[in-house]
PDB file of N, CA and C in Angstrom:
ATOM      1  N   MET A   1      35.071 101.799 132.201  1.00  0.00           N
ATOM      2  CA  MET A   1      35.127 100.563 132.965  1.00  0.00           C
ATOM      3  C   MET A   1      33.850 100.422 133.781  1.00  0.00           C
ATOM      4  N   ASN A   2      33.430  99.190 133.929  1.00  0.00           N
ATOM      5  CA  ASN A   2      32.223  98.990 134.728  1.00  0.00           C
ATOM      6  C   ASN A   2      32.555  98.945 136.217  1.00  0.00           C
ATOM      7  N   LYS A   3      31.519  98.991 137.002  1.00  0.00           N
ATOM      8  CA  LYS A   3      31.657  99.128 138.447  1.00  0.00           C
ATOM      9  C   LYS A   3      32.439  97.972 139.068  1.00  0.00           C
ATOM     10  N   ASP A   4      32.156  96.754 138.638  1.00  0.00           N
ATOM     11  CA  ASP A   4      32.831  95.594 139.226  1.00  0.00           C
ATOM     12  C   ASP A   4      34.337  95.627 138.974  1.00  0.00           C
ATOM     13  N   LYS A   5      34.710  96.025 137.756  1.00  0.00           N
ATOM     14  CA  LYS A   5      36.127  96.076 137.427  1.00  0.00           C
ATOM     15  C   LYS A   5      36.843  97.155 138.244  1.00  0.00           C
ATOM     16  N   ILE A   6      36.183  98.284 138.440  1.00  0.00           N
ATOM     17  CA  ILE A   6      36.783  99.366 139.229  1.00  0.00           C
ATOM     18  C   ILE A   6      36.960  98.923 140.679  1.00  0.00           C
ATOM     19  N   PHE A   7      35.943  98.294 141.247  1.00  0.00           N
ATOM     20  CA  PHE A   7      36.061  97.839 142.632  1.00  0.00           C
ATOM     21  C   PHE A   7      37.124  96.746 142.776  1.00  0.00           C
ATOM     22  N   LYS A   8      37.271  95.931 141.751  1.00  0.00           N
ATOM     23  CA  LYS A   8      38.297  94.903 141.798  1.00  0.00           C
ATOM     24  C   LYS A   8      39.685  95.540 141.809  1.00  0.00           C
ATOM     25  N   LEU A   9      39.870  96.591 140.987  1.00  0.00           N
ATOM     26  CA  LEU A   9      41.155  97.283 140.955  1.00  0.00           C
ATOM     27  C   LEU A   9      41.392  98.104 142.221  1.00  0.00           C
ATOM     28  N   ALA A  10      40.311  98.553 142.864  1.00  0.00           N
ATOM     29  CA  ALA A  10      40.425  99.405 144.051  1.00  0.00           C
ATOM     30  C   ALA A  10      40.580  98.597 145.333  1.00  0.00           C
ATOM     31  N   LYS A  11      40.634  97.294 145.236  1.00  0.00           N
ATOM     32  CA  LYS A  11      40.754  96.457 146.421  1.00  0.00           C
ATOM     33  C   LYS A  11      42.061  96.784 147.139  1.00  0.00           C
ATOM     34  N   GLY A  12      41.983  97.035 148.421  1.00  0.00           N
ATOM     35  CA  GLY A  12      43.153  97.369 149.212  1.00  0.00           C
ATOM     36  C   GLY A  12      43.355  98.860 149.400  1.00  0.00           C
ATOM     37  N   PHE A  13      42.559  99.684 148.735  1.00  0.00           N
ATOM     38  CA  PHE A  13      42.663 101.125 148.927  1.00  0.00           C
ATOM     39  C   PHE A  13      42.087 101.483 150.288  1.00  0.00           C
ATOM     40  N   ARG A  14      42.467 102.663 150.796  1.00  0.00           N
ATOM     41  CA  ARG A  14      42.022 103.078 152.122  1.00  0.00           C
ATOM     42  C   ARG A  14      40.758 103.901 152.043  1.00  0.00           C
ATOM     43  N   GLY A  15      39.972 103.827 153.077  1.00  0.00           N
ATOM     44  CA  GLY A  15      38.790 104.674 153.221  1.00  0.00           C
ATOM     45  C   GLY A  15      37.705 104.372 152.196  1.00  0.00           C
ATOM     46  N   ARG A  16      37.001 105.438 151.772  1.00  0.00           N
ATOM     47  CA  ARG A  16      35.904 105.254 150.824  1.00  0.00           C
ATOM     48  C   ARG A  16      36.397 104.976 149.414  1.00  0.00           C
ATOM     49  N   ALA A  17      37.696 105.048 149.181  1.00  0.00           N
ATOM     50  CA  ALA A  17      38.235 104.783 147.847  1.00  0.00           C
ATOM     51  C   ALA A  17      38.042 103.328 147.436  1.00  0.00           C
ATOM     52  N   LYS A  18      37.736 102.466 148.392  1.00  0.00           N
ATOM     53  CA  LYS A  18      37.548 101.058 148.037  1.00  0.00           C
ATOM     54  C   LYS A  18      36.086 100.662 147.863  1.00  0.00           C
ATOM     55  N   ASN A  19      35.135 101.523 148.325  1.00  0.00           N
ATOM     56  CA  ASN A  19      33.751 101.080 148.239  1.00  0.00           C
ATOM     57  C   ASN A  19      32.772 102.150 147.759  1.00  0.00           C
ATOM     58  N   CYS A  20      33.231 103.342 147.434  1.00  0.00           N
ATOM     59  CA  CYS A  20      32.376 104.395 146.897  1.00  0.00           C
ATOM     60  C   CYS A  20      32.788 104.603 145.442  1.00  0.00           C
ATOM     61  N   ILE A  21      31.854 104.433 144.506  1.00  0.00           N
ATOM     62  CA  ILE A  21      32.211 104.337 143.088  1.00  0.00           C
ATOM     63  C   ILE A  21      32.862 105.605 142.552  1.00  0.00           C
ATOM     64  N   ARG A  22      32.368 106.776 142.942  1.00  0.00           N
ATOM     65  CA  ARG A  22      32.952 108.015 142.404  1.00  0.00           C
ATOM     66  C   ARG A  22      34.398 108.191 142.842  1.00  0.00           C
ATOM     67  N   ILE A  23      34.621 108.034 144.126  1.00  0.00           N
ATOM     68  CA  ILE A  23      35.981 108.188 144.657  1.00  0.00           C
ATOM     69  C   ILE A  23      36.870 107.058 144.135  1.00  0.00           C
ATOM     70  N   SER A  24      36.301 105.874 144.092  1.00  0.00           N
ATOM     71  CA  SER A  24      37.043 104.712 143.641  1.00  0.00           C
ATOM     72  C   SER A  24      37.504 104.874 142.197  1.00  0.00           C
ATOM     73  N   ARG A  25      36.632 105.410 141.344  1.00  0.00           N
ATOM     74  CA  ARG A  25      36.971 105.602 139.933  1.00  0.00           C
ATOM     75  C   ARG A  25      38.157 106.569 139.795  1.00  0.00           C
ATOM     76  N   GLU A  26      38.126 107.653 140.552  1.00  0.00           N
ATOM     77  CA  GLU A  26      39.219 108.629 140.490  1.00  0.00           C
ATOM     78  C   GLU A  26      40.537 108.018 140.972  1.00  0.00           C
ATOM     79  N   ARG A  27      40.460 107.308 142.080  1.00  0.00           N
ATOM     80  CA  ARG A  27      41.673 106.718 142.643  1.00  0.00           C
ATOM     81  C   ARG A  27      42.255 105.649 141.723  1.00  0.00           C
ATOM     82  N   VAL A  28      41.392 104.844 141.111  1.00  0.00           N
ATOM     83  CA  VAL A  28      41.872 103.794 140.216  1.00  0.00           C
ATOM     84  C   VAL A  28      42.518 104.415 138.982  1.00  0.00           C
ATOM     85  N   GLU A  29      41.898 105.461 138.424  1.00  0.00           N
ATOM     86  CA  GLU A  29      42.491 106.118 137.258  1.00  0.00           C
ATOM     87  C   GLU A  29      43.855 106.693 137.600  1.00  0.00           C
ATOM     88  N   LYS A  30      43.961 107.330 138.757  1.00  0.00           N
ATOM     89  CA  LYS A  30      45.238 107.904 139.171  1.00  0.00           C
ATOM     90  C   LYS A  30      46.266 106.807 139.409  1.00  0.00           C
ATOM     91  N   ALA A  31      45.831 105.692 140.002  1.00  0.00           N
ATOM     92  CA  ALA A  31      46.745 104.582 140.249  1.00  0.00           C
ATOM     93  C   ALA A  31      47.273 104.002 138.937  1.00  0.00           C
ATOM     94  N   LEU A  32      46.397 103.919 137.930  1.00  0.00           N
ATOM     95  CA  LEU A  32      46.837 103.405 136.632  1.00  0.00           C
ATOM     96  C   LEU A  32      47.813 104.381 135.959  1.00  0.00           C
ATOM     97  N   GLN A  33      47.605 105.677 136.157  1.00  0.00           N
ATOM     98  CA  GLN A  33      48.551 106.663 135.618  1.00  0.00           C
ATOM     99  C   GLN A  33      49.919 106.514 136.275  1.00  0.00           C
ATOM    100  N   TYR A  34      49.925 106.341 137.596  1.00  0.00           N
ATOM    101  CA  TYR A  34      51.188 106.150 138.304  1.00  0.00           C
ATOM    102  C   TYR A  34      51.889 104.872 137.826  1.00  0.00           C
ATOM    103  N   ALA A  35      51.113 103.819 137.635  1.00  0.00           N
ATOM    104  CA  ALA A  35      51.694 102.550 137.201  1.00  0.00           C
ATOM    105  C   ALA A  35      52.328 102.692 135.821  1.00  0.00           C
ATOM    106  N   TYR A  36      51.644 103.399 134.920  1.00  0.00           N
ATOM    107  CA  TYR A  36      52.156 103.608 133.565  1.00  0.00           C
ATOM    108  C   TYR A  36      53.467 104.402 133.620  1.00  0.00           C
ATOM    109  N   ARG A  37      53.460 105.480 134.405  1.00  0.00           N
ATOM    110  CA  ARG A  37      54.643 106.340 134.511  1.00  0.00           C
ATOM    111  C   ARG A  37      55.819 105.577 135.118  1.00  0.00           C
ATOM    112  N   ASP A  38      55.541 104.832 136.180  1.00  0.00           N
ATOM    113  CA  ASP A  38      56.629 104.202 136.919  1.00  0.00           C
ATOM    114  C   ASP A  38      57.194 102.977 136.228  1.00  0.00           C
ATOM    115  N   ARG A  39      56.463 102.393 135.288  1.00  0.00           N
ATOM    116  CA  ARG A  39      57.058 101.323 134.490  1.00  0.00           C
ATOM    117  C   ARG A  39      58.203 101.870 133.661  1.00  0.00           C
ATOM    118  N   ARG A  40      58.090 103.104 133.214  1.00  0.00           N
ATOM    119  CA  ARG A  40      59.179 103.729 132.463  1.00  0.00           C
ATOM    120  C   ARG A  40      60.293 104.203 133.390  1.00  0.00           C
ATOM    121  N   ASN A  41      59.909 104.759 134.543  1.00  0.00           N
ATOM    122  CA  ASN A  41      60.910 105.241 135.492  1.00  0.00           C
ATOM    123  C   ASN A  41      61.757 104.102 136.061  1.00  0.00           C
ATOM    124  N   LYS A  42      61.169 102.914 136.167  1.00  0.00           N
ATOM    125  CA  LYS A  42      61.896 101.765 136.686  1.00  0.00           C
ATOM    126  C   LYS A  42      63.088 101.439 135.790  1.00  0.00           C
ATOM    127  N   LYS A  43      62.884 101.508 134.478  1.00  0.00           N
ATOM    128  CA  LYS A  43      63.964 101.235 133.532  1.00  0.00           C
ATOM    129  C   LYS A  43      65.078 102.270 133.685  1.00  0.00           C
ATOM    130  N   ARG A  44      64.683 103.527 133.866  1.00  0.00           N
ATOM    131  CA  ARG A  44      65.639 104.620 134.044  1.00  0.00           C
ATOM    132  C   ARG A  44      66.448 104.418 135.328  1.00  0.00           C
ATOM    133  N   ASP A  45      65.760 104.049 136.409  1.00  0.00           N
ATOM    134  CA  ASP A  45      66.425 103.862 137.690  1.00  0.00           C
ATOM    135  C   ASP A  45      67.403 102.688 137.652  1.00  0.00           C
ATOM    136  N   MET A  46      67.010 101.614 136.977  1.00  0.00           N
ATOM    137  CA  MET A  46      67.887 100.448 136.902  1.00  0.00           C
ATOM    138  C   MET A  46      69.150 100.771 136.113  1.00  0.00           C
ATOM    139  N   ARG A  47      69.001 101.492 135.004  1.00  0.00           N
ATOM    140  CA  ARG A  47      70.173 101.877 134.213  1.00  0.00           C
ATOM    141  C   ARG A  47      71.114 102.737 135.054  1.00  0.00           C
ATOM    142  N   SER A  48      70.558 103.648 135.825  1.00  0.00           N
ATOM    143  CA  SER A  48      71.366 104.505 136.691  1.00  0.00           C
ATOM    144  C   SER A  48      72.114 103.670 137.734  1.00  0.00           C
ATOM    145  N   LEU A  49      71.447 102.687 138.304  1.00  0.00           N
ATOM    146  CA  LEU A  49      72.083 101.815 139.288  1.00  0.00           C
ATOM    147  C   LEU A  49      73.225 101.025 138.666  1.00  0.00           C
ATOM    148  N   TRP A  50      73.008 100.494 137.450  1.00  0.00           N
ATOM    149  CA  TRP A  50      74.060  99.733 136.773  1.00  0.00           C
ATOM    150  C   TRP A  50      75.281 100.612 136.524  1.00  0.00           C
ATOM    151  N   ILE A  51      75.050 101.860 136.093  1.00  0.00           N
ATOM    152  CA  ILE A  51      76.161 102.771 135.815  1.00  0.00           C
ATOM    153  C   ILE A  51      76.936 103.063 137.100  1.00  0.00           C
ATOM    154  N   GLN A  52      76.232 103.250 138.215  1.00  0.00           N
ATOM    155  CA  GLN A  52      76.918 103.503 139.483  1.00  0.00           C
ATOM    156  C   GLN A  52      77.782 102.312 139.889  1.00  0.00           C
ATOM    157  N   ARG A  53      77.269 101.119 139.692  1.00  0.00           N
ATOM    158  CA  ARG A  53      78.030  99.926 140.061  1.00  0.00           C
ATOM    159  C   ARG A  53      79.257  99.757 139.180  1.00  0.00           C
ATOM    160  N   ILE A  54      79.102 100.006 137.880  1.00  0.00           N
ATOM    161  CA  ILE A  54      80.246  99.902 136.964  1.00  0.00           C
ATOM    162  C   ILE A  54      81.288 100.949 137.328  1.00  0.00           C
ATOM    163  N   ASN A  55      80.848 102.164 137.607  1.00  0.00           N
ATOM    164  CA  ASN A  55      81.764 103.244 137.957  1.00  0.00           C
ATOM    165  C   ASN A  55      82.541 102.905 139.221  1.00  0.00           C
ATOM    166  N   ALA A  56      81.866 102.342 140.207  1.00  0.00           N
ATOM    167  CA  ALA A  56      82.554 101.951 141.446  1.00  0.00           C
ATOM    168  C   ALA A  56      83.590 100.871 141.158  1.00  0.00           C
ATOM    169  N   GLY A  57      83.239  99.917 140.306  1.00  0.00           N
ATOM    170  CA  GLY A  57      84.178  98.843 139.972  1.00  0.00           C
ATOM    171  C   GLY A  57      85.381  99.339 139.191  1.00  0.00           C
ATOM    172  N   THR A  58      85.155 100.258 138.249  1.00  0.00           N
ATOM    173  CA  THR A  58      86.273 100.743 137.441  1.00  0.00           C
ATOM    174  C   THR A  58      87.199 101.642 138.248  1.00  0.00           C
ATOM    175  N   ARG A  59      86.641 102.409 139.166  1.00  0.00           N
ATOM    176  CA  ARG A  59      87.481 103.301 139.970  1.00  0.00           C
ATOM    177  C   ARG A  59      88.386 102.528 140.922  1.00  0.00           C
ATOM    178  N   GLN A  60      88.024 101.309 141.254  1.00  0.00           N
ATOM    179  CA  GLN A  60      88.918 100.475 142.061  1.00  0.00           C
ATOM    180  C   GLN A  60      90.189 100.123 141.290  1.00  0.00           C
ATOM    181  N   HIS A  61      90.079 100.142 139.958  1.00  0.00           N
ATOM    182  CA  HIS A  61      91.222  99.818 139.107  1.00  0.00           C
ATOM    183  C   HIS A  61      91.841 101.066 138.479  1.00  0.00           C
ATOM    184  N   GLY A  62      91.414 102.246 138.913  1.00  0.00           N
ATOM    185  CA  GLY A  62      92.050 103.478 138.481  1.00  0.00           C
ATOM    186  C   GLY A  62      91.549 104.059 137.174  1.00  0.00           C
ATOM    187  N   VAL A  63      90.323 103.734 136.782  1.00  0.00           N
ATOM    188  CA  VAL A  63      89.739 104.256 135.537  1.00  0.00           C
ATOM    189  C   VAL A  63      88.360 104.796 135.865  1.00  0.00           C
ATOM    190  N   ASN A  64      87.959 105.856 135.184  1.00  0.00           N
ATOM    191  CA  ASN A  64      86.591 106.314 135.417  1.00  0.00           C
ATOM    192  C   ASN A  64      85.640 105.683 134.404  1.00  0.00           C
ATOM    193  N   TYR A  65      84.354 105.836 134.654  1.00  0.00           N
ATOM    194  CA  TYR A  65      83.323 105.140 133.884  1.00  0.00           C
ATOM    195  C   TYR A  65      83.345 105.509 132.404  1.00  0.00           C
ATOM    196  N   GLY A  66      83.419 106.811 132.114  1.00  0.00           N
ATOM    197  CA  GLY A  66      83.346 107.258 130.719  1.00  0.00           C
ATOM    198  C   GLY A  66      84.496 106.729 129.881  1.00  0.00           C
ATOM    199  N   ASN A  67      85.697 106.792 130.423  1.00  0.00           N
ATOM    200  CA  ASN A  67      86.858 106.285 129.684  1.00  0.00           C
ATOM    201  C   ASN A  67      86.802 104.770 129.536  1.00  0.00           C
ATOM    202  N   PHE A  68      86.297 104.093 130.549  1.00  0.00           N
ATOM    203  CA  PHE A  68      86.150 102.633 130.479  1.00  0.00           C
ATOM    204  C   PHE A  68      85.197 102.237 129.357  1.00  0.00           C
ATOM    205  N   MET A  69      84.035 102.889 129.302  1.00  0.00           N
ATOM    206  CA  MET A  69      83.053 102.560 128.264  1.00  0.00           C
ATOM    207  C   MET A  69      83.585 102.919 126.880  1.00  0.00           C
ATOM    208  N   HIS A  70      84.316 104.031 126.775  1.00  0.00           N
ATOM    209  CA  HIS A  70      84.880 104.432 125.492  1.00  0.00           C
ATOM    210  C   HIS A  70      85.901 103.398 125.011  1.00  0.00           C
ATOM    211  N   GLY A  71      86.725 102.913 125.937  1.00  0.00           N
ATOM    212  CA  GLY A  71      87.694 101.881 125.578  1.00  0.00           C
ATOM    213  C   GLY A  71      87.022 100.597 125.119  1.00  0.00           C
ATOM    214  N   LEU A  72      85.929 100.228 125.763  1.00  0.00           N
ATOM    215  CA  LEU A  72      85.208  99.015 125.353  1.00  0.00           C
ATOM    216  C   LEU A  72      84.612  99.169 123.965  1.00  0.00           C
ATOM    217  N   THR A  73      84.064 100.346 123.659  1.00  0.00           N
ATOM    218  CA  THR A  73      83.479 100.541 122.325  1.00  0.00           C
ATOM    219  C   THR A  73      84.563 100.564 121.254  1.00  0.00           C
ATOM    220  N   LYS A  74      85.747 101.097 121.580  1.00  0.00           N
ATOM    221  CA  LYS A  74      86.849 101.087 120.615  1.00  0.00           C
ATOM    222  C   LYS A  74      87.316  99.667 120.328  1.00  0.00           C
ATOM    223  N   GLU A  75      87.252  98.798 121.317  1.00  0.00           N
ATOM    224  CA  GLU A  75      87.623  97.397 121.146  1.00  0.00           C
ATOM    225  C   GLU A  75      86.469  96.552 120.607  1.00  0.00           C
ATOM    226  N   ASN A  76      85.330  97.185 120.394  1.00  0.00           N
ATOM    227  CA  ASN A  76      84.123  96.511 119.884  1.00  0.00           C
ATOM    228  C   ASN A  76      83.658  95.391 120.823  1.00  0.00           C
ATOM    229  N   ILE A  77      83.737  95.653 122.111  1.00  0.00           N
ATOM    230  CA  ILE A  77      83.204  94.725 123.123  1.00  0.00           C
ATOM    231  C   ILE A  77      81.792  95.193 123.423  1.00  0.00           C
ATOM    232  N   GLN A  78      80.816  94.378 123.069  1.00  0.00           N
ATOM    233  CA  GLN A  78      79.426  94.797 123.160  1.00  0.00           C
ATOM    234  C   GLN A  78      78.718  94.109 124.329  1.00  0.00           C
ATOM    235  N   LEU A  79      79.145  94.439 125.525  1.00  0.00           N
ATOM    236  CA  LEU A  79      78.454  93.974 126.718  1.00  0.00           C
ATOM    237  C   LEU A  79      77.589  95.107 127.232  1.00  0.00           C
ATOM    238  N   ASN A  80      76.345  94.797 127.569  1.00  0.00           N
ATOM    239  CA  ASN A  80      75.470  95.869 128.053  1.00  0.00           C
ATOM    240  C   ASN A  80      75.771  96.193 129.515  1.00  0.00           C
ATOM    241  N   ARG A  81      75.179  97.270 129.992  1.00  0.00           N
ATOM    242  CA  ARG A  81      75.492  97.761 131.323  1.00  0.00           C
ATOM    243  C   ARG A  81      75.030  96.808 132.423  1.00  0.00           C
ATOM    244  N   LYS A  82      73.960  96.087 132.156  1.00  0.00           N
ATOM    245  CA  LYS A  82      73.468  95.131 133.150  1.00  0.00           C
ATOM    246  C   LYS A  82      74.503  94.024 133.381  1.00  0.00           C
ATOM    247  N   VAL A  83      75.049  93.504 132.300  1.00  0.00           N
ATOM    248  CA  VAL A  83      76.044  92.434 132.407  1.00  0.00           C
ATOM    249  C   VAL A  83      77.335  92.957 133.030  1.00  0.00           C
ATOM    250  N   LEU A  84      77.758  94.157 132.619  1.00  0.00           N
ATOM    251  CA  LEU A  84      78.970  94.735 133.198  1.00  0.00           C
ATOM    252  C   LEU A  84      78.813  94.965 134.696  1.00  0.00           C
ATOM    253  N   SER A  85      77.607  95.377 135.104  1.00  0.00           N
ATOM    254  CA  SER A  85      77.334  95.583 136.525  1.00  0.00           C
ATOM    255  C   SER A  85      77.458  94.277 137.293  1.00  0.00           C
ATOM    256  N   GLU A  86      76.894  93.217 136.763  1.00  0.00           N
ATOM    257  CA  GLU A  86      76.977  91.913 137.421  1.00  0.00           C
ATOM    258  C   GLU A  86      78.423  91.423 137.485  1.00  0.00           C
ATOM    259  N   LEU A  87      79.184  91.660 136.394  1.00  0.00           N
ATOM    260  CA  LEU A  87      80.585  91.257 136.401  1.00  0.00           C
ATOM    261  C   LEU A  87      81.375  92.018 137.460  1.00  0.00           C
ATOM    262  N   SER A  88      81.100  93.303 137.575  1.00  0.00           N
ATOM    263  CA  SER A  88      81.860  94.106 138.538  1.00  0.00           C
ATOM    264  C   SER A  88      81.590  93.664 139.969  1.00  0.00           C
ATOM    265  N   MET A  89      80.388  93.169 140.242  1.00  0.00           N
ATOM    266  CA  MET A  89      80.065  92.742 141.605  1.00  0.00           C
ATOM    267  C   MET A  89      80.496  91.305 141.891  1.00  0.00           C
ATOM    268  N   HIS A  90      80.236  90.393 140.951  1.00  0.00           N
ATOM    269  CA  HIS A  90      80.382  88.969 141.248  1.00  0.00           C
ATOM    270  C   HIS A  90      81.606  88.320 140.611  1.00  0.00           C
ATOM    271  N   GLU A  91      82.198  88.941 139.600  1.00  0.00           N
ATOM    272  CA  GLU A  91      83.356  88.371 138.914  1.00  0.00           C
ATOM    273  C   GLU A  91      84.472  89.413 138.828  1.00  0.00           C
ATOM    274  N   PRO A  92      85.131  89.730 139.934  1.00  0.00           N
ATOM    275  CA  PRO A  92      86.110  90.825 139.912  1.00  0.00           C
ATOM    276  C   PRO A  92      87.305  90.570 139.002  1.00  0.00           C
ATOM    277  N   TYR A  93      87.727  89.314 138.839  1.00  0.00           N
ATOM    278  CA  TYR A  93      88.885  89.043 137.988  1.00  0.00           C
ATOM    279  C   TYR A  93      88.523  89.218 136.514  1.00  0.00           C
ATOM    280  N   SER A  94      87.346  88.778 136.129  1.00  0.00           N
ATOM    281  CA  SER A  94      86.895  88.988 134.743  1.00  0.00           C
ATOM    282  C   SER A  94      86.739  90.473 134.456  1.00  0.00           C
ATOM    283  N   PHE A  95      86.205  91.184 135.430  1.00  0.00           N
ATOM    284  CA  PHE A  95      86.019  92.624 135.257  1.00  0.00           C
ATOM    285  C   PHE A  95      87.366  93.330 135.171  1.00  0.00           C
ATOM    286  N   LYS A  96      88.344  92.877 135.934  1.00  0.00           N
ATOM    287  CA  LYS A  96      89.696  93.455 135.876  1.00  0.00           C
ATOM    288  C   LYS A  96      90.285  93.262 134.486  1.00  0.00           C
ATOM    289  N   ALA A  97      90.024  92.103 133.864  1.00  0.00           N
ATOM    290  CA  ALA A  97      90.509  91.857 132.503  1.00  0.00           C
ATOM    291  C   ALA A  97      89.880  92.838 131.522  1.00  0.00           C
ATOM    292  N   LEU A  98      88.580  93.102 131.688  1.00  0.00           N
ATOM    293  CA  LEU A  98      87.916  94.071 130.813  1.00  0.00           C
ATOM    294  C   LEU A  98      88.488  95.476 131.008  1.00  0.00           C
ATOM    295  N   VAL A  99      88.793  95.823 132.247  1.00  0.00           N
ATOM    296  CA  VAL A  99      89.362  97.143 132.514  1.00  0.00           C
ATOM    297  C   VAL A  99      90.726  97.273 131.854  1.00  0.00           C
ATOM    298  N   SER A 100      91.530  96.225 131.922  1.00  0.00           N
ATOM    299  CA  SER A 100      92.857  96.292 131.306  1.00  0.00           C
ATOM    300  C   SER A 100      92.754  96.368 129.788  1.00  0.00           C
ATOM    301  N   ILE A 101      91.791  95.665 129.189  1.00  0.00           N
ATOM    302  CA  ILE A 101      91.563  95.770 127.739  1.00  0.00           C
ATOM    303  C   ILE A 101      91.161  97.183 127.374  1.00  0.00           C
ATOM    304  N   SER A 102      90.290  97.761 128.178  1.00  0.00           N
ATOM    305  CA  SER A 102      89.827  99.114 127.925  1.00  0.00           C
ATOM    306  C   SER A 102      90.973 100.118 128.040  1.00  0.00           C
ATOM    307  N   GLN A 103      91.853  99.915 129.023  1.00  0.00           N
ATOM    308  CA  GLN A 103      92.983 100.821 129.204  1.00  0.00           C
ATOM    309  C   GLN A 103      93.938 100.764 128.017  1.00  0.00           C
ATOM    310  N   LYS A 104      94.146  99.575 127.463  1.00  0.00           N
ATOM    311  CA  LYS A 104      95.038  99.443 126.305  1.00  0.00           C
ATOM    312  C   LYS A 104      94.419 100.075 125.060  1.00  0.00           C
ATOM    313  N   ALA A 105      93.101  99.966 124.940  1.00  0.00           N
ATOM    314  CA  ALA A 105      92.431 100.479 123.746  1.00  0.00           C
ATOM    315  C   ALA A 105      92.355 101.999 123.733  1.00  0.00           C
ATOM    316  N   PHE A 106      92.214 102.587 124.904  1.00  0.00           N
ATOM    317  CA  PHE A 106      92.051 104.042 124.987  1.00  0.00           C
ATOM    318  C   PHE A 106      93.134 104.601 125.902  1.00  0.00           C
ATOM    319  N   PRO A 107      94.167 105.213 125.314  1.00  0.00           N
ATOM    320  CA  PRO A 107      95.272 105.695 126.141  1.00  0.00           C
ATOM    321  C   PRO A 107      94.882 106.810 127.108  1.00  0.00           C
ATOM    322  N   GLY A 108      93.729 107.417 126.910  1.00  0.00           N
ATOM    323  CA  GLY A 108      93.273 108.448 127.836  1.00  0.00           C
ATOM    324  C   GLY A 108      92.906 107.879 129.193  1.00  0.00           C
ATOM    325  N   ASN A 109      92.927 106.562 129.323  1.00  0.00           N
ATOM    326  CA  ASN A 109      92.622 105.912 130.588  1.00  0.00           C
ATOM    327  C   ASN A 109      93.817 105.999 131.518  1.00  0.00           C
ATOM    328  N   LYS A 110      94.006 107.154 132.092  1.00  0.00           N
ATOM    329  CA  LYS A 110      95.075 107.320 133.065  1.00  0.00           C
ATOM    330  C   LYS A 110      94.519 106.938 134.430  1.00  0.00           C
ATOM    331  N   ASN A 111      95.409 106.654 135.320  1.00  0.00           N
ATOM    332  CA  ASN A 111      94.958 106.314 136.666  1.00  0.00           C
ATOM    333  C   ASN A 111      94.262 107.511 137.293  1.00  0.00           C
ATOM    334  N   VAL A 112      93.076 107.271 137.815  1.00  0.00           N
ATOM    335  CA  VAL A 112      92.311 108.317 138.469  1.00  0.00           C
ATOM    336  C   VAL A 112      92.848 108.478 139.881  1.00  0.00           C
ATOM    337  N   VAL A 113      93.256 109.679 140.207  1.00  0.00           N
ATOM    338  CA  VAL A 113      93.770 109.949 141.540  1.00  0.00           C
ATOM    339  C   VAL A 113      92.654 110.582 142.346  1.00  0.00           C
ATOM    340  N   ILE A 114      92.269 109.925 143.406  1.00  0.00           N
ATOM    341  CA  ILE A 114      91.217 110.451 144.277  1.00  0.00           C
ATOM    342  C   ILE A 114      91.902 111.208 145.397  1.00  0.00           C
ATOM    343  N   PRO A 115      91.654 112.522 145.495  1.00  0.00           N
ATOM    344  CA  PRO A 115      92.328 113.304 146.552  1.00  0.00           C
ATOM    345  C   PRO A 115      91.865 112.851 147.925  1.00  0.00           C
ATOM    346  N   PRO A 116      92.780 112.880 148.906  1.00  0.00           N
ATOM    347  CA  PRO A 116      92.383 112.468 150.263  1.00  0.00           C
ATOM    348  C   PRO A 116      91.398 113.456 150.864  1.00  0.00           C
ATOM    349  N   ARG A 117      90.486 112.944 151.648  1.00  0.00           N
ATOM    350  CA  ARG A 117      89.482 113.795 152.300  1.00  0.00           C
ATOM    351  C   ARG A 117      90.082 114.472 153.515  1.00  0.00           C
ATOM    352  N   LYS A 118      89.621 115.670 153.754  1.00  0.00           N
ATOM    353  CA  LYS A 118      90.026 116.358 154.962  1.00  0.00           C
ATOM    354  C   LYS A 118      89.095 115.944 156.095  1.00  0.00           C
ATOM    355  N   VAL A 119      89.659 115.504 157.178  1.00  0.00           N
ATOM    356  CA  VAL A 119      88.863 115.074 158.320  1.00  0.00           C
ATOM    357  C   VAL A 119      88.808 116.243 159.305  1.00  0.00           C
ATOM    358  N   THR A 120      87.599 116.697 159.570  1.00  0.00           N
ATOM    359  CA  THR A 120      87.430 117.783 160.530  1.00  0.00           C
ATOM    360  C   THR A 120      86.847 117.235 161.817  1.00  0.00           C
ATOM    361  N   MET A 121      87.345 117.740 162.906  1.00  0.00           N
ATOM    362  CA  MET A 121      86.848 117.253 164.197  1.00  0.00           C
ATOM    363  C   MET A 121      86.287 118.372 165.003  1.00  0.00           C
TER     364      MET A 121
END
């Protein structure tokens, strides 16, 4: 990369990283590596968030996440995790219908009993 392009990418960096070419080149290369890595990590983090939201929604109805997803696949309901997450947050009645379909499809969907917490004082 030429000098102008590096300085353009280094705009906003602290110290000599924004105006000294050697330091700037190193910082820009490292920043591009972080950007490349984190574009992939962002997808991973979002999927994890969707799964947590679905799990929270299903546990309100007495089913855990794995059994819920297994029941949906047995019924050939092909909704992705992003859509299921949105349904669990914004459309609780629609999500309840999906949970009941999943429970009928997979008899292993027994009510999940959450043991009471011990309160220590």
